[in-house]
């Protein structure tokens, strides 16, 4: 691996990872705020919405941290293939984690609307919440494919 490519890979790992961590903080805060704005007729239900919503952000956060730490697999002009495989596997697991928590959050919101725990008149807030809990899974997927491209054979 040429020296310029090594610097590029290491820089992209850190840049994507640190940018993703900042996005995680914003998404987690937005999920809690929008989840709190939804007019729940049963107040503890708001917490039931926040937990899987923030869980979806945890998958993205772990994916970002995995990408940041994977820069150590590029040393000199060499790529540690075993380490790169572990980083790709970790990124796939993080993406799956984020996707499963997003689906769980969607299911909780749909159940809440169908059981009238959230009035159907709050559709704008519900749609905003659904977009917010889907975003971490989408971004974790983007990081997965970016990591695969960075550490291709």
C-alpha atoms as a PDB file:
ATOM      1  CA  UNK A   1       0.000   0.000   0.000  1.00  0.00           C
ATOM      2  CA  UNK A   2       1.617   3.326  -1.024  1.00  0.00           C
ATOM      3  CA  UNK A   3       2.353   5.882   1.690  1.00  0.00           C
ATOM      4  CA  UNK A   4      -0.169   8.394   0.296  1.00  0.00           C
ATOM      5  CA  UNK A   5      -2.896   5.736   0.378  1.00  0.00           C
ATOM      6  CA  UNK A   6      -1.959   4.890   3.996  1.00  0.00           C
ATOM      7  CA  UNK A   7      -2.350   8.527   5.049  1.00  0.00           C
ATOM      8  CA  UNK A   8      -5.617   8.761   3.134  1.00  0.00           C
ATOM      9  CA  UNK A   9      -7.078   5.640   4.771  1.00  0.00           C
ATOM     10  CA  UNK A  10      -6.001   6.694   8.257  1.00  0.00           C
ATOM     11  CA  UNK A  11      -7.364  10.206   7.748  1.00  0.00           C
ATOM     12  CA  UNK A  12     -10.683   8.971   6.396  1.00  0.00           C
ATOM     13  CA  UNK A  13     -11.082   6.538   9.301  1.00  0.00           C
ATOM     14  CA  UNK A  14     -10.656   9.310  11.834  1.00  0.00           C
ATOM     15  CA  UNK A  15     -12.664  11.880   9.884  1.00  0.00           C
ATOM     16  CA  UNK A  16     -15.654   9.609   9.302  1.00  0.00           C
ATOM     17  CA  UNK A  17     -15.526   8.290  12.850  1.00  0.00           C
ATOM     18  CA  UNK A  18     -15.311  11.649  14.606  1.00  0.00           C
ATOM     19  CA  UNK A  19     -17.983  13.145  12.346  1.00  0.00           C
ATOM     20  CA  UNK A  20     -20.204  10.175  13.108  1.00  0.00           C
ATOM     21  CA  UNK A  21     -19.736  10.604  16.866  1.00  0.00           C
ATOM     22  CA  UNK A  22     -20.893  14.226  16.564  1.00  0.00           C
ATOM     23  CA  UNK A  23     -23.925  13.107  14.555  1.00  0.00           C
ATOM     24  CA  UNK A  24     -24.676  10.497  17.263  1.00  0.00           C
ATOM     25  CA  UNK A  25     -24.845  13.188  19.937  1.00  0.00           C
ATOM     26  CA  UNK A  26     -27.229  15.291  17.856  1.00  0.00           C
ATOM     27  CA  UNK A  27     -29.430  12.311  16.948  1.00  0.00           C
ATOM     28  CA  UNK A  28     -29.682  11.063  20.540  1.00  0.00           C
ATOM     29  CA  UNK A  29     -30.705  14.512  21.760  1.00  0.00           C
ATOM     30  CA  UNK A  30     -33.215  14.923  18.927  1.00  0.00           C
ATOM     31  CA  UNK A  31     -34.757  11.495  19.606  1.00  0.00           C
ATOM     32  CA  UNK A  32     -35.264  12.330  23.272  1.00  0.00           C
ATOM     33  CA  UNK A  33     -36.683  15.795  22.504  1.00  0.00           C
ATOM     34  CA  UNK A  34     -39.050  14.650  19.742  1.00  0.00           C
ATOM     35  CA  UNK A  35     -40.053  11.571  21.748  1.00  0.00           C
ATOM     36  CA  UNK A  36     -40.866  13.873  24.664  1.00  0.00           C
ATOM     37  CA  UNK A  37     -42.946  16.179  22.492  1.00  0.00           C
ATOM     38  CA  UNK A  38     -45.193  13.368  21.286  1.00  0.00           C
ATOM     39  CA  UNK A  39     -48.447  13.697  23.242  1.00  0.00           C
ATOM     40  CA  UNK A  40     -48.552  10.359  25.026  1.00  0.00           C
ATOM     41  CA  UNK A  41     -51.717   9.684  27.023  1.00  0.00           C
ATOM     42  CA  UNK A  42     -49.651   7.358  29.213  1.00  0.00           C
ATOM     43  CA  UNK A  43     -46.510   9.373  30.173  1.00  0.00           C
ATOM     44  CA  UNK A  44     -44.186   6.395  30.900  1.00  0.00           C
ATOM     45  CA  UNK A  45     -44.709   5.377  27.269  1.00  0.00           C
ATOM     46  CA  UNK A  46     -42.404   8.242  26.223  1.00  0.00           C
ATOM     47  CA  UNK A  47     -39.547   6.426  27.956  1.00  0.00           C
ATOM     48  CA  UNK A  48     -40.500   3.229  26.147  1.00  0.00           C
ATOM     49  CA  UNK A  49     -40.023   5.182  22.899  1.00  0.00           C
ATOM     50  CA  UNK A  50     -36.698   6.750  23.896  1.00  0.00           C
ATOM     51  CA  UNK A  51     -34.925   3.580  24.960  1.00  0.00           C
ATOM     52  CA  UNK A  52     -34.944   1.716  21.612  1.00  0.00           C
ATOM     53  CA  UNK A  53     -34.554   5.022  19.769  1.00  0.00           C
ATOM     54  CA  UNK A  54     -31.347   5.788  21.634  1.00  0.00           C
ATOM     55  CA  UNK A  55     -30.376   2.123  21.264  1.00  0.00           C
ATOM     56  CA  UNK A  56     -30.331   2.650  17.519  1.00  0.00           C
ATOM     57  CA  UNK A  57     -27.870   5.490  18.067  1.00  0.00           C
ATOM     58  CA  UNK A  58     -25.671   3.184  20.154  1.00  0.00           C
ATOM     59  CA  UNK A  59     -25.133   0.932  17.123  1.00  0.00           C
ATOM     60  CA  UNK A  60     -24.035   3.931  15.086  1.00  0.00           C
ATOM     61  CA  UNK A  61     -21.755   5.120  17.903  1.00  0.00           C
ATOM     62  CA  UNK A  62     -20.075   1.727  18.164  1.00  0.00           C
ATOM     63  CA  UNK A  63     -19.645   1.675  14.393  1.00  0.00           C
ATOM     64  CA  UNK A  64     -17.943   5.088  14.534  1.00  0.00           C
ATOM     65  CA  UNK A  65     -15.643   3.988  17.336  1.00  0.00           C
ATOM     66  CA  UNK A  66     -14.810   0.809  15.427  1.00  0.00           C
ATOM     67  CA  UNK A  67     -13.895   2.872  12.375  1.00  0.00           C
ATOM     68  CA  UNK A  68     -11.711   5.210  14.432  1.00  0.00           C
ATOM     69  CA  UNK A  69      -9.860   2.316  16.047  1.00  0.00           C
ATOM     70  CA  UNK A  70      -9.441   0.482  12.737  1.00  0.00           C
ATOM     71  CA  UNK A  71      -6.913   3.048  11.553  1.00  0.00           C
ATOM     72  CA  UNK A  72      -4.367   1.139  13.614  1.00  0.00           C
ATOM     73  CA  UNK A  73      -4.633  -1.771  11.155  1.00  0.00           C
ATOM     74  CA  UNK A  74      -2.706   0.294   8.615  1.00  0.00           C
ATOM     75  CA  UNK A  75       0.940   0.397   9.650  1.00  0.00           C
ATOM     76  CA  UNK A  76       3.686   1.653   7.435  1.00  0.00           C
ATOM     77  CA  UNK A  77       2.772   0.452   3.987  1.00  0.00           C
ATOM     78  CA  UNK A  78       1.058  -2.689   5.242  1.00  0.00           C
ATOM     79  CA  UNK A  79      -2.553  -3.559   5.971  1.00  0.00           C
ATOM     80  CA  UNK A  80      -3.267  -6.025   8.765  1.00  0.00           C
ATOM     81  CA  UNK A  81      -5.811  -8.223   6.965  1.00  0.00           C
ATOM     82  CA  UNK A  82      -6.961 -10.041  10.099  1.00  0.00           C
ATOM     83  CA  UNK A  83      -7.589  -6.718  11.827  1.00  0.00           C
ATOM     84  CA  UNK A  84      -9.381  -5.342   8.780  1.00  0.00           C
ATOM     85  CA  UNK A  85     -11.645  -8.406   8.730  1.00  0.00           C
ATOM     86  CA  UNK A  86     -12.449  -7.896  12.417  1.00  0.00           C
ATOM     87  CA  UNK A  87     -13.225  -4.220  11.780  1.00  0.00           C
ATOM     88  CA  UNK A  88     -15.555  -5.125   8.899  1.00  0.00           C
ATOM     89  CA  UNK A  89     -17.286  -7.759  11.036  1.00  0.00           C
ATOM     90  CA  UNK A  90     -17.682  -5.314  13.930  1.00  0.00           C
ATOM     91  CA  UNK A  91     -19.129  -2.731  11.579  1.00  0.00           C
ATOM     92  CA  UNK A  92     -21.641  -5.273  10.246  1.00  0.00           C
ATOM     93  CA  UNK A  93     -22.712  -6.212  13.782  1.00  0.00           C
ATOM     94  CA  UNK A  94     -23.110  -2.527  14.691  1.00  0.00           C
ATOM     95  CA  UNK A  95     -25.232  -1.945  11.604  1.00  0.00           C
ATOM     96  CA  UNK A  96     -27.419  -4.920  12.516  1.00  0.00           C
ATOM     97  CA  UNK A  97     -27.728  -3.646  16.102  1.00  0.00           C
ATOM     98  CA  UNK A  98     -28.789  -0.212  14.926  1.00  0.00           C
ATOM     99  CA  UNK A  99     -31.282  -1.665  12.461  1.00  0.00           C
ATOM    100  CA  UNK A 100     -32.869  -3.948  15.060  1.00  0.00           C
ATOM    101  CA  UNK A 101     -33.268  -1.114  17.570  1.00  0.00           C
ATOM    102  CA  UNK A 102     -34.765   1.090  14.833  1.00  0.00           C
ATOM    103  CA  UNK A 103     -37.299  -1.616  14.015  1.00  0.00           C
ATOM    104  CA  UNK A 104     -38.097  -2.043  17.703  1.00  0.00           C
ATOM    105  CA  UNK A 105     -38.659   1.686  18.047  1.00  0.00           C
ATOM    106  CA  UNK A 106     -40.898   1.705  14.975  1.00  0.00           C
ATOM    107  CA  UNK A 107     -42.897  -1.181  16.451  1.00  0.00           C
ATOM    108  CA  UNK A 108     -43.274   0.636  19.782  1.00  0.00           C
ATOM    109  CA  UNK A 109     -44.560   3.770  18.075  1.00  0.00           C
ATOM    110  CA  UNK A 110     -46.967   1.847  15.849  1.00  0.00           C
ATOM    111  CA  UNK A 111     -48.236  -0.076  18.886  1.00  0.00           C
ATOM    112  CA  UNK A 112     -48.649   3.173  20.794  1.00  0.00           C
ATOM    113  CA  UNK A 113     -50.652   4.767  17.990  1.00  0.00           C
ATOM    114  CA  UNK A 114     -52.806   1.657  17.482  1.00  0.00           C
ATOM    115  CA  UNK A 115     -53.579   1.410  21.234  1.00  0.00           C
ATOM    116  CA  UNK A 116     -54.320   5.166  21.435  1.00  0.00           C
ATOM    117  CA  UNK A 117     -51.357   5.792  23.739  1.00  0.00           C
ATOM    118  CA  UNK A 118     -50.386   8.456  21.205  1.00  0.00           C
ATOM    119  CA  UNK A 119     -53.275  10.343  19.601  1.00  0.00           C
ATOM    120  CA  UNK A 120     -53.450  10.014  15.826  1.00  0.00           C
ATOM    121  CA  UNK A 121     -53.537  13.813  15.468  1.00  0.00           C
ATOM    122  CA  UNK A 122     -49.803  14.030  16.137  1.00  0.00           C
ATOM    123  CA  UNK A 123     -48.725  12.609  12.804  1.00  0.00           C
ATOM    124  CA  UNK A 124     -46.022  15.214  12.095  1.00  0.00           C
ATOM    125  CA  UNK A 125     -44.240  14.435  15.353  1.00  0.00           C
ATOM    126  CA  UNK A 126     -44.635  10.696  14.798  1.00  0.00           C
ATOM    127  CA  UNK A 127     -43.174  10.922  11.288  1.00  0.00           C
ATOM    128  CA  UNK A 128     -40.305  13.079  12.549  1.00  0.00           C
ATOM    129  CA  UNK A 129     -39.606  10.505  15.247  1.00  0.00           C
ATOM    130  CA  UNK A 130     -39.669   7.663  12.723  1.00  0.00           C
ATOM    131  CA  UNK A 131     -37.160   9.488  10.519  1.00  0.00           C
ATOM    132  CA  UNK A 132     -34.920  10.176  13.528  1.00  0.00           C
ATOM    133  CA  UNK A 133     -34.814   6.530  14.642  1.00  0.00           C
ATOM    134  CA  UNK A 134     -34.219   5.338  11.087  1.00  0.00           C
ATOM    135  CA  UNK A 135     -31.313   7.715  10.464  1.00  0.00           C
ATOM    136  CA  UNK A 136     -28.795   5.880  12.717  1.00  0.00           C
ATOM    137  CA  UNK A 137     -29.408   2.575  10.928  1.00  0.00           C
ATOM    138  CA  UNK A 138     -28.941   4.257   7.555  1.00  0.00           C
ATOM    139  CA  UNK A 139     -25.765   6.012   8.670  1.00  0.00           C
ATOM    140  CA  UNK A 140     -24.391   2.798  10.195  1.00  0.00           C
ATOM    141  CA  UNK A 141     -24.988   1.169   6.794  1.00  0.00           C
ATOM    142  CA  UNK A 142     -23.090   3.980   5.100  1.00  0.00           C
ATOM    143  CA  UNK A 143     -20.187   3.525   7.532  1.00  0.00           C
ATOM    144  CA  UNK A 144     -20.257  -0.221   6.912  1.00  0.00           C
ATOM    145  CA  UNK A 145     -19.841   0.228   3.161  1.00  0.00           C
ATOM    146  CA  UNK A 146     -17.294   3.023   3.609  1.00  0.00           C
ATOM    147  CA  UNK A 147     -15.232   0.772   5.866  1.00  0.00           C
ATOM    148  CA  UNK A 148     -15.443  -2.053   3.361  1.00  0.00           C
ATOM    149  CA  UNK A 149     -14.223   0.285   0.643  1.00  0.00           C
ATOM    150  CA  UNK A 150     -11.359   1.577   2.805  1.00  0.00           C
ATOM    151  CA  UNK A 151     -10.195  -1.886   3.797  1.00  0.00           C
ATOM    152  CA  UNK A 152     -10.781  -3.711   0.550  1.00  0.00           C
ATOM    153  CA  UNK A 153      -8.312  -6.382  -0.330  1.00  0.00           C
END
